Amino acid sequence: DKPFGASFPAITIRDMVRSQYELM
């Protein structure tokens, strides 16, 4: 119930595209 902050998982460009694919 707090912001992820520095604990937010490491992401890549490919993760960004996968999330866009889900939106598509």
mmCIF file of all heavy atoms, coordinates in Angstrom:
data_MODEL
# 
_entry.id   MODEL 
# 
loop_
_atom_site.group_PDB 
_atom_site.id 
_atom_site.type_symbol 
_atom_site.label_atom_id 
_atom_site.label_alt_id 
_atom_site.label_comp_id 
_atom_site.label_asym_id 
_atom_site.label_entity_id 
_atom_site.label_seq_id 
_atom_site.pdbx_PDB_ins_code 
_atom_site.Cartn_x 
_atom_site.Cartn_y 
_atom_site.Cartn_z 
_atom_site.occupancy 
_atom_site.B_iso_or_equiv 
_atom_site.pdbx_formal_charge 
_atom_site.auth_seq_id 
_atom_site.auth_comp_id 
_atom_site.auth_asym_id 
_atom_site.auth_atom_id 
_atom_site.pdbx_PDB_model_num 
ATOM 1   N N   . ASP A 1 1  ? 0.821  -1.212  0.000   1.00 0.00 ? 1  ASP A N   1 
ATOM 2   C CA  . ASP A 1 1  ? 0.000  0.000   0.000   1.00 0.00 ? 1  ASP A CA  1 
ATOM 3   C C   . ASP A 1 1  ? 0.859  1.267   0.000   1.00 0.00 ? 1  ASP A C   1 
ATOM 4   O O   . ASP A 1 1  ? 0.400  2.333   0.414   1.00 0.00 ? 1  ASP A O   1 
ATOM 5   C CB  . ASP A 1 1  ? -0.957 0.037   1.199   1.00 0.00 ? 1  ASP A CB  1 
ATOM 6   C CG  . ASP A 1 1  ? -2.138 -0.892  1.002   1.00 0.00 ? 1  ASP A CG  1 
ATOM 7   O OD1 . ASP A 1 1  ? -2.508 -1.112  -0.169  1.00 0.00 ? 1  ASP A OD1 1 
ATOM 8   O OD2 . ASP A 1 1  ? -2.670 -1.389  2.000   1.00 0.00 ? 1  ASP A OD2 1 
ATOM 9   N N   . LYS A 1 2  ? 2.087  1.147   -0.459  1.00 0.00 ? 2  LYS A N   1 
ATOM 10  C CA  . LYS A 1 2  ? 2.992  2.285   -0.602  1.00 0.00 ? 2  LYS A CA  1 
ATOM 11  C C   . LYS A 1 2  ? 3.555  2.288   -2.018  1.00 0.00 ? 2  LYS A C   1 
ATOM 12  O O   . LYS A 1 2  ? 3.540  1.252   -2.700  1.00 0.00 ? 2  LYS A O   1 
ATOM 13  C CB  . LYS A 1 2  ? 4.130  2.194   0.418   1.00 0.00 ? 2  LYS A CB  1 
ATOM 14  C CG  . LYS A 1 2  ? 3.678  2.283   1.867   1.00 0.00 ? 2  LYS A CG  1 
ATOM 15  C CD  . LYS A 1 2  ? 4.884  2.181   2.807   1.00 0.00 ? 2  LYS A CD  1 
ATOM 16  C CE  . LYS A 1 2  ? 4.435  2.267   4.258   1.00 0.00 ? 2  LYS A CE  1 
ATOM 17  N NZ  . LYS A 1 2  ? 5.601  2.146   5.191   1.00 0.00 ? 2  LYS A NZ  1 
ATOM 18  N N   . PRO A 1 3  ? 4.066  3.436   -2.496  1.00 0.00 ? 3  PRO A N   1 
ATOM 19  C CA  . PRO A 1 3  ? 4.672  3.451   -3.826  1.00 0.00 ? 3  PRO A CA  1 
ATOM 20  C C   . PRO A 1 3  ? 5.813  2.431   -3.936  1.00 0.00 ? 3  PRO A C   1 
ATOM 21  O O   . PRO A 1 3  ? 6.542  2.185   -2.966  1.00 0.00 ? 3  PRO A O   1 
ATOM 22  C CB  . PRO A 1 3  ? 5.201  4.877   -3.960  1.00 0.00 ? 3  PRO A CB  1 
ATOM 23  C CG  . PRO A 1 3  ? 4.354  5.686   -3.029  1.00 0.00 ? 3  PRO A CG  1 
ATOM 24  C CD  . PRO A 1 3  ? 4.056  4.775   -1.878  1.00 0.00 ? 3  PRO A CD  1 
ATOM 25  N N   . PHE A 1 4  ? 5.949  1.822   -5.113  1.00 0.00 ? 4  PHE A N   1 
ATOM 26  C CA  . PHE A 1 4  ? 7.037  0.873   -5.342  1.00 0.00 ? 4  PHE A CA  1 
ATOM 27  C C   . PHE A 1 4  ? 8.393  1.509   -5.031  1.00 0.00 ? 4  PHE A C   1 
ATOM 28  O O   . PHE A 1 4  ? 9.257  0.885   -4.427  1.00 0.00 ? 4  PHE A O   1 
ATOM 29  C CB  . PHE A 1 4  ? 7.044  0.410   -6.804  1.00 0.00 ? 4  PHE A CB  1 
ATOM 30  C CG  . PHE A 1 4  ? 6.070  -0.665  -7.133  1.00 0.00 ? 4  PHE A CG  1 
ATOM 31  C CD1 . PHE A 1 4  ? 4.861  -0.364  -7.749  1.00 0.00 ? 4  PHE A CD1 1 
ATOM 32  C CD2 . PHE A 1 4  ? 6.368  -1.988  -6.860  1.00 0.00 ? 4  PHE A CD2 1 
ATOM 33  C CE1 . PHE A 1 4  ? 3.966  -1.371  -8.083  1.00 0.00 ? 4  PHE A CE1 1 
ATOM 34  C CE2 . PHE A 1 4  ? 5.483  -3.000  -7.189  1.00 0.00 ? 4  PHE A CE2 1 
ATOM 35  C CZ  . PHE A 1 4  ? 4.274  -2.695  -7.801  1.00 0.00 ? 4  PHE A CZ  1 
ATOM 36  N N   . GLY A 1 5  ? 8.594  2.747   -5.473  1.00 0.00 ? 5  GLY A N   1 
ATOM 37  C CA  . GLY A 1 5  ? 9.872  3.406   -5.285  1.00 0.00 ? 5  GLY A CA  1 
ATOM 38  C C   . GLY A 1 5  ? 10.997 2.596   -5.903  1.00 0.00 ? 5  GLY A C   1 
ATOM 39  O O   . GLY A 1 5  ? 10.870 2.038   -7.002  1.00 0.00 ? 5  GLY A O   1 
ATOM 40  N N   . ALA A 1 6  ? 12.104 2.468   -5.181  1.00 0.00 ? 6  ALA A N   1 
ATOM 41  C CA  . ALA A 1 6  ? 13.269 1.762   -5.699  1.00 0.00 ? 6  ALA A CA  1 
ATOM 42  C C   . ALA A 1 6  ? 13.049 0.264   -5.821  1.00 0.00 ? 6  ALA A C   1 
ATOM 43  O O   . ALA A 1 6  ? 13.846 -0.438  -6.459  1.00 0.00 ? 6  ALA A O   1 
ATOM 44  C CB  . ALA A 1 6  ? 14.479 2.035   -4.815  1.00 0.00 ? 6  ALA A CB  1 
ATOM 45  N N   . SER A 1 7  ? 11.963 -0.266  -5.237  1.00 0.00 ? 7  SER A N   1 
ATOM 46  C CA  . SER A 1 7  ? 11.691 -1.699  -5.326  1.00 0.00 ? 7  SER A CA  1 
ATOM 47  C C   . SER A 1 7  ? 10.995 -2.082  -6.627  1.00 0.00 ? 7  SER A C   1 
ATOM 48  O O   . SER A 1 7  ? 10.762 -3.276  -6.877  1.00 0.00 ? 7  SER A O   1 
ATOM 49  C CB  . SER A 1 7  ? 10.832 -2.157  -4.139  1.00 0.00 ? 7  SER A CB  1 
ATOM 50  O OG  . SER A 1 7  ? 9.499  -1.653  -4.250  1.00 0.00 ? 7  SER A OG  1 
ATOM 51  N N   . PHE A 1 8  ? 10.645 -1.103  -7.450  1.00 0.00 ? 8  PHE A N   1 
ATOM 52  C CA  . PHE A 1 8  ? 9.990  -1.428  -8.725  1.00 0.00 ? 8  PHE A CA  1 
ATOM 53  C C   . PHE A 1 8  ? 10.930 -2.309  -9.541  1.00 0.00 ? 8  PHE A C   1 
ATOM 54  O O   . PHE A 1 8  ? 12.118 -2.007  -9.685  1.00 0.00 ? 8  PHE A O   1 
ATOM 55  C CB  . PHE A 1 8  ? 9.649  -0.155  -9.499  1.00 0.00 ? 8  PHE A CB  1 
ATOM 56  C CG  . PHE A 1 8  ? 8.843  -0.412  -10.742 1.00 0.00 ? 8  PHE A CG  1 
ATOM 57  C CD1 . PHE A 1 8  ? 7.516  -0.813  -10.650 1.00 0.00 ? 8  PHE A CD1 1 
ATOM 58  C CD2 . PHE A 1 8  ? 9.410  -0.258  -11.998 1.00 0.00 ? 8  PHE A CD2 1 
ATOM 59  C CE1 . PHE A 1 8  ? 6.767  -1.064  -11.790 1.00 0.00 ? 8  PHE A CE1 1 
ATOM 60  C CE2 . PHE A 1 8  ? 8.668  -0.504  -13.148 1.00 0.00 ? 8  PHE A CE2 1 
ATOM 61  C CZ  . PHE A 1 8  ? 7.343  -0.910  -13.037 1.00 0.00 ? 8  PHE A CZ  1 
ATOM 62  N N   . PRO A 1 9  ? 10.421 -3.416  -10.104 1.00 0.00 ? 9  PRO A N   1 
ATOM 63  C CA  . PRO A 1 9  ? 11.298 -4.360  -10.804 1.00 0.00 ? 9  PRO A CA  1 
ATOM 64  C C   . PRO A 1 9  ? 12.004 -3.730  -12.006 1.00 0.00 ? 9  PRO A C   1 
ATOM 65  O O   . PRO A 1 9  ? 11.474 -2.814  -12.654 1.00 0.00 ? 9  PRO A O   1 
ATOM 66  C CB  . PRO A 1 9  ? 10.332 -5.457  -11.265 1.00 0.00 ? 9  PRO A CB  1 
ATOM 67  C CG  . PRO A 1 9  ? 9.153  -5.331  -10.388 1.00 0.00 ? 9  PRO A CG  1 
ATOM 68  C CD  . PRO A 1 9  ? 9.029  -3.884  -10.054 1.00 0.00 ? 9  PRO A CD  1 
ATOM 69  N N   . ALA A 1 10 ? 13.193 -4.235  -12.293 1.00 0.00 ? 10 ALA A N   1 
ATOM 70  C CA  . ALA A 1 10 ? 13.938 -3.779  -13.471 1.00 0.00 ? 10 ALA A CA  1 
ATOM 71  C C   . ALA A 1 10 ? 13.196 -4.179  -14.729 1.00 0.00 ? 10 ALA A C   1 
ATOM 72  O O   . ALA A 1 10 ? 12.754 -5.322  -14.875 1.00 0.00 ? 10 ALA A O   1 
ATOM 73  C CB  . ALA A 1 10 ? 15.342 -4.370  -13.462 1.00 0.00 ? 10 ALA A CB  1 
ATOM 74  N N   . ILE A 1 11 ? 13.045 -3.228  -15.643 1.00 0.00 ? 11 ILE A N   1 
ATOM 75  C CA  . ILE A 1 11 ? 12.321 -3.468  -16.884 1.00 0.00 ? 11 ILE A CA  1 
ATOM 76  C C   . ILE A 1 11 ? 13.227 -3.197  -18.074 1.00 0.00 ? 11 ILE A C   1 
ATOM 77  O O   . ILE A 1 11 ? 14.291 -2.592  -17.948 1.00 0.00 ? 11 ILE A O   1 
ATOM 78  C CB  . ILE A 1 11 ? 11.058 -2.585  -16.982 1.00 0.00 ? 11 ILE A CB  1 
ATOM 79  C CG1 . ILE A 1 11 ? 11.438 -1.091  -16.888 1.00 0.00 ? 11 ILE A CG1 1 
ATOM 80  C CG2 . ILE A 1 11 ? 10.036 -2.962  -15.919 1.00 0.00 ? 11 ILE A CG2 1 
ATOM 81  C CD1 . ILE A 1 11 ? 10.272 -0.146  -17.119 1.00 0.00 ? 11 ILE A CD1 1 
ATOM 82  N N   . THR A 1 12 ? 12.783 -3.660  -19.246 1.00 0.00 ? 12 THR A N   1 
ATOM 83  C CA  . THR A 1 12 ? 13.519 -3.449  -20.492 1.00 0.00 ? 12 THR A CA  1 
ATOM 84  C C   . THR A 1 12 ? 12.585 -2.839  -21.536 1.00 0.00 ? 12 THR A C   1 
ATOM 85  O O   . THR A 1 12 ? 11.374 -2.755  -21.336 1.00 0.00 ? 12 THR A O   1 
ATOM 86  C CB  . THR A 1 12 ? 14.078 -4.773  -21.035 1.00 0.00 ? 12 THR A CB  1 
ATOM 87  O OG1 . THR A 1 12 ? 12.980 -5.603  -21.471 1.00 0.00 ? 12 THR A OG1 1 
ATOM 88  C CG2 . THR A 1 12 ? 14.898 -5.511  -19.976 1.00 0.00 ? 12 THR A CG2 1 
ATOM 89  N N   . ILE A 1 13 ? 13.159 -2.469  -22.653 1.00 0.00 ? 13 ILE A N   1 
ATOM 90  C CA  . ILE A 1 13 ? 12.346 -1.951  -23.765 1.00 0.00 ? 13 ILE A CA  1 
ATOM 91  C C   . ILE A 1 13 ? 11.359 -3.016  -24.228 1.00 0.00 ? 13 ILE A C   1 
ATOM 92  O O   . ILE A 1 13 ? 10.213 -2.714  -24.573 1.00 0.00 ? 13 ILE A O   1 
ATOM 93  C CB  . ILE A 1 13 ? 13.247 -1.511  -24.937 1.00 0.00 ? 13 ILE A CB  1 
ATOM 94  C CG1 . ILE A 1 13 ? 14.324 -0.523  -24.477 1.00 0.00 ? 13 ILE A CG1 1 
ATOM 95  C CG2 . ILE A 1 13 ? 12.394 -0.882  -26.050 1.00 0.00 ? 13 ILE A CG2 1 
ATOM 96  C CD1 . ILE A 1 13 ? 13.796 0.730   -23.833 1.00 0.00 ? 13 ILE A CD1 1 
ATOM 97  N N   . ARG A 1 14 ? 11.799 -4.263  -24.206 1.00 0.00 ? 14 ARG A N   1 
ATOM 98  C CA  . ARG A 1 14 ? 10.922 -5.346  -24.654 1.00 0.00 ? 14 ARG A CA  1 
ATOM 99  C C   . ARG A 1 14 ? 9.716  -5.508  -23.732 1.00 0.00 ? 14 ARG A C   1 
ATOM 100 O O   . ARG A 1 14 ? 8.623  -5.847  -24.188 1.00 0.00 ? 14 ARG A O   1 
ATOM 101 C CB  . ARG A 1 14 ? 11.717 -6.649  -24.747 1.00 0.00 ? 14 ARG A CB  1 
ATOM 102 C CG  . ARG A 1 14 ? 12.815 -6.572  -25.804 1.00 0.00 ? 14 ARG A CG  1 
ATOM 103 C CD  . ARG A 1 14 ? 13.726 -7.787  -25.813 1.00 0.00 ? 14 ARG A CD  1 
ATOM 104 N NE  . ARG A 1 14 ? 14.925 -7.520  -26.611 1.00 0.00 ? 14 ARG A NE  1 
ATOM 105 C CZ  . ARG A 1 14 ? 15.925 -8.366  -26.771 1.00 0.00 ? 14 ARG A CZ  1 
ATOM 106 N NH1 . ARG A 1 14 ? 15.880 -9.553  -26.177 1.00 0.00 ? 14 ARG A NH1 1 
ATOM 107 N NH2 . ARG A 1 14 ? 16.978 -8.046  -27.510 1.00 0.00 ? 14 ARG A NH2 1 
ATOM 108 N N   . ASP A 1 15 ? 9.889  -5.238  -22.445 1.00 0.00 ? 15 ASP A N   1 
ATOM 109 C CA  . ASP A 1 15 ? 8.748  -5.259  -21.525 1.00 0.00 ? 15 ASP A CA  1 
ATOM 110 C C   . ASP A 1 15 ? 7.753  -4.156  -21.885 1.00 0.00 ? 15 ASP A C   1 
ATOM 111 O O   . ASP A 1 15 ? 6.530  -4.365  -21.805 1.00 0.00 ? 15 ASP A O   1 
ATOM 112 C CB  . ASP A 1 15 ? 9.222  -5.072  -20.087 1.00 0.00 ? 15 ASP A CB  1 
ATOM 113 C CG  . ASP A 1 15 ? 10.065 -6.238  -19.585 1.00 0.00 ? 15 ASP A CG  1 
ATOM 114 O OD1 . ASP A 1 15 ? 9.766  -7.380  -19.957 1.00 0.00 ? 15 ASP A OD1 1 
ATOM 115 O OD2 . ASP A 1 15 ? 11.014 -5.983  -18.823 1.00 0.00 ? 15 ASP A OD2 1 
ATOM 116 N N   . MET A 1 16 ? 8.267  -2.992  -22.254 1.00 0.00 ? 16 MET A N   1 
ATOM 117 C CA  . MET A 1 16 ? 7.391  -1.896  -22.664 1.00 0.00 ? 16 MET A CA  1 
ATOM 118 C C   . MET A 1 16 ? 6.557  -2.304  -23.868 1.00 0.00 ? 16 MET A C   1 
ATOM 119 O O   . MET A 1 16 ? 5.340  -2.058  -23.933 1.00 0.00 ? 16 MET A O   1 
ATOM 120 C CB  . MET A 1 16 ? 8.215  -0.661  -23.004 1.00 0.00 ? 16 MET A CB  1 
ATOM 121 C CG  . MET A 1 16 ? 9.003  -0.079  -21.849 1.00 0.00 ? 16 MET A CG  1 
ATOM 122 S SD  . MET A 1 16 ? 10.050 1.301   -22.396 1.00 0.00 ? 16 MET A SD  1 
ATOM 123 C CE  . MET A 1 16 ? 10.954 1.653   -20.880 1.00 0.00 ? 16 MET A CE  1 
ATOM 124 N N   . VAL A 1 17 ? 7.207  -2.963  -24.831 1.00 0.00 ? 17 VAL A N   1 
ATOM 125 C CA  . VAL A 1 17 ? 6.507  -3.377  -26.045 1.00 0.00 ? 17 VAL A CA  1 
ATOM 126 C C   . VAL A 1 17 ? 5.496  -4.477  -25.734 1.00 0.00 ? 17 VAL A C   1 
ATOM 127 O O   . VAL A 1 17 ? 4.393  -4.493  -26.286 1.00 0.00 ? 17 VAL A O   1 
ATOM 128 C CB  . VAL A 1 17 ? 7.522  -3.823  -27.118 1.00 0.00 ? 17 VAL A CB  1 
ATOM 129 C CG1 . VAL A 1 17 ? 6.814  -4.429  -28.323 1.00 0.00 ? 17 VAL A CG1 1 
ATOM 130 C CG2 . VAL A 1 17 ? 8.370  -2.626  -27.567 1.00 0.00 ? 17 VAL A CG2 1 
ATOM 131 N N   . ARG A 1 18 ? 5.847  -5.394  -24.843 1.00 0.00 ? 18 ARG A N   1 
ATOM 132 C CA  . ARG A 1 18 ? 4.886  -6.436  -24.468 1.00 0.00 ? 18 ARG A CA  1 
ATOM 133 C C   . ARG A 1 18 ? 3.633  -5.837  -23.840 1.00 0.00 ? 18 ARG A C   1 
ATOM 134 O O   . ARG A 1 18 ? 2.516  -6.303  -24.072 1.00 0.00 ? 18 ARG A O   1 
ATOM 135 C CB  . ARG A 1 18 ? 5.529  -7.429  -23.493 1.00 0.00 ? 18 ARG A CB  1 
ATOM 136 C CG  . ARG A 1 18 ? 6.527  -8.377  -24.145 1.00 0.00 ? 18 ARG A CG  1 
ATOM 137 C CD  . ARG A 1 18 ? 6.948  -9.493  -23.200 1.00 0.00 ? 18 ARG A CD  1 
ATOM 138 N NE  . ARG A 1 18 ? 7.992  -10.316 -23.803 1.00 0.00 ? 18 ARG A NE  1 
ATOM 139 C CZ  . ARG A 1 18 ? 9.299  -10.126 -23.626 1.00 0.00 ? 18 ARG A CZ  1 
ATOM 140 N NH1 . ARG A 1 18 ? 9.718  -9.141  -22.842 1.00 0.00 ? 18 ARG A NH1 1 
ATOM 141 N NH2 . ARG A 1 18 ? 10.175 -10.908 -24.219 1.00 0.00 ? 18 ARG A NH2 1 
ATOM 142 N N   . SER A 1 19 ? 3.807  -4.807  -23.027 1.00 0.00 ? 19 SER A N   1 
ATOM 143 C CA  . SER A 1 19 ? 2.633  -4.178  -22.419 1.00 0.00 ? 19 SER A CA  1 
ATOM 144 C C   . SER A 1 19 ? 1.804  -3.458  -23.486 1.00 0.00 ? 19 SER A C   1 
ATOM 145 O O   . SER A 1 19 ? 0.565  -3.451  -23.410 1.00 0.00 ? 19 SER A O   1 
ATOM 146 C CB  . SER A 1 19 ? 3.064  -3.202  -21.316 1.00 0.00 ? 19 SER A CB  1 
ATOM 147 O OG  . SER A 1 19 ? 3.731  -2.076  -21.842 1.00 0.00 ? 19 SER A OG  1 
ATOM 148 N N   . GLN A 1 20 ? 2.465  -2.883  -24.493 1.00 0.00 ? 20 GLN A N   1 
ATOM 149 C CA  . GLN A 1 20 ? 1.742  -2.257  -25.599 1.00 0.00 ? 20 GLN A CA  1 
ATOM 150 C C   . GLN A 1 20 ? 0.988  -3.309  -26.412 1.00 0.00 ? 20 GLN A C   1 
ATOM 151 O O   . GLN A 1 20 ? -0.124 -3.049  -26.905 1.00 0.00 ? 20 GLN A O   1 
ATOM 152 C CB  . GLN A 1 20 ? 2.708  -1.486  -26.494 1.00 0.00 ? 20 GLN A CB  1 
ATOM 153 C CG  . GLN A 1 20 ? 3.285  -0.240  -25.859 1.00 0.00 ? 20 GLN A CG  1 
ATOM 154 C CD  . GLN A 1 20 ? 4.409  0.350   -26.678 1.00 0.00 ? 20 GLN A CD  1 
ATOM 155 O OE1 . GLN A 1 20 ? 5.084  -0.345  -27.445 1.00 0.00 ? 20 GLN A OE1 1 
ATOM 156 N NE2 . GLN A 1 20 ? 4.648  1.644   -26.515 1.00 0.00 ? 20 GLN A NE2 1 
ATOM 157 N N   . TYR A 1 21 ? 1.588  -4.475  -26.561 1.00 0.00 ? 21 TYR A N   1 
ATOM 158 C CA  . TYR A 1 21 ? 0.910  -5.580  -27.266 1.00 0.00 ? 21 TYR A CA  1 
ATOM 159 C C   . TYR A 1 21 ? -0.384 -5.955  -26.543 1.00 0.00 ? 21 TYR A C   1 
ATOM 160 O O   . TYR A 1 21 ? -1.421 -6.188  -27.183 1.00 0.00 ? 21 TYR A O   1 
ATOM 161 C CB  . TYR A 1 21 ? 1.839  -6.786  -27.364 1.00 0.00 ? 21 TYR A CB  1 
ATOM 162 C CG  . TYR A 1 21 ? 1.139  -8.037  -27.830 1.00 0.00 ? 21 TYR A CG  1 
ATOM 163 C CD1 . TYR A 1 21 ? 0.860  -8.235  -29.187 1.00 0.00 ? 21 TYR A CD1 1 
ATOM 164 C CD2 . TYR A 1 21 ? 0.739  -9.019  -26.924 1.00 0.00 ? 21 TYR A CD2 1 
ATOM 165 C CE1 . TYR A 1 21 ? 0.200  -9.381  -29.616 1.00 0.00 ? 21 TYR A CE1 1 
ATOM 166 C CE2 . TYR A 1 21 ? 0.080  -10.164 -27.348 1.00 0.00 ? 21 TYR A CE2 1 
ATOM 167 C CZ  . TYR A 1 21 ? -0.183 -10.345 -28.692 1.00 0.00 ? 21 TYR A CZ  1 
ATOM 168 O OH  . TYR A 1 21 ? -0.841 -11.464 -29.114 1.00 0.00 ? 21 TYR A OH  1 
ATOM 169 N N   . GLU A 1 22 ? -0.332 -6.001  -25.207 1.00 0.00 ? 22 GLU A N   1 
ATOM 170 C CA  . GLU A 1 22 ? -1.541 -6.307  -24.434 1.00 0.00 ? 22 GLU A CA  1 
ATOM 171 C C   . GLU A 1 22 ? -2.620 -5.261  -24.692 1.00 0.00 ? 22 GLU A C   1 
ATOM 172 O O   . GLU A 1 22 ? -3.805 -5.589  -24.827 1.00 0.00 ? 22 GLU A O   1 
ATOM 173 C CB  . GLU A 1 22 ? -1.211 -6.368  -22.943 1.00 0.00 ? 22 GLU A CB  1 
ATOM 174 C CG  . GLU A 1 22 ? -0.284 -7.498  -22.546 1.00 0.00 ? 22 GLU A CG  1 
ATOM 175 C CD  . GLU A 1 22 ? -0.934 -8.861  -22.636 1.00 0.00 ? 22 GLU A CD  1 
ATOM 176 O OE1 . GLU A 1 22 ? -2.181 -8.932  -22.616 1.00 0.00 ? 22 GLU A OE1 1 
ATOM 177 O OE2 . GLU A 1 22 ? -0.195 -9.868  -22.730 1.00 0.00 ? 22 GLU A OE2 1 
ATOM 178 N N   . LEU A 1 23 ? -2.212 -3.997  -24.756 1.00 0.00 ? 23 LEU A N   1 
ATOM 179 C CA  . LEU A 1 23 ? -3.164 -2.919  -25.062 1.00 0.00 ? 23 LEU A CA  1 
ATOM 180 C C   . LEU A 1 23 ? -3.724 -3.087  -26.473 1.00 0.00 ? 23 LEU A C   1 
ATOM 181 O O   . LEU A 1 23 ? -4.930 -2.919  -26.697 1.00 0.00 ? 23 LEU A O   1 
ATOM 182 C CB  . LEU A 1 23 ? -2.481 -1.559  -24.915 1.00 0.00 ? 23 LEU A CB  1 
ATOM 183 C CG  . LEU A 1 23 ? -3.314 -0.339  -25.307 1.00 0.00 ? 23 LEU A CG  1 
ATOM 184 C CD1 . LEU A 1 23 ? -4.534 -0.190  -24.400 1.00 0.00 ? 23 LEU A CD1 1 
ATOM 185 C CD2 . LEU A 1 23 ? -2.465 0.932   -25.266 1.00 0.00 ? 23 LEU A CD2 1 
ATOM 186 N N   . MET A 1 24 ? -2.863 -3.405  -27.395 1.00 0.00 ? 24 MET A N   1 
ATOM 187 C CA  . MET A 1 24 ? -3.280 -3.628  -28.783 1.00 0.00 ? 24 MET A CA  1 
ATOM 188 C C   . MET A 1 24 ? -4.366 -4.695  -28.863 1.00 0.00 ? 24 MET A C   1 
ATOM 189 O O   . MET A 1 24 ? -5.375 -4.523  -29.566 1.00 0.00 ? 24 MET A O   1 
ATOM 190 C CB  . MET A 1 24 ? -2.068 -4.055  -29.617 1.00 0.00 ? 24 MET A CB  1 
ATOM 191 C CG  . MET A 1 24 ? -2.359 -4.384  -31.064 1.00 0.00 ? 24 MET A CG  1 
ATOM 192 S SD  . MET A 1 24 ? -0.899 -5.127  -31.848 1.00 0.00 ? 24 MET A SD  1 
ATOM 193 C CE  . MET A 1 24 ? -1.381 -5.074  -33.571 1.00 0.00 ? 24 MET A CE  1 
# 
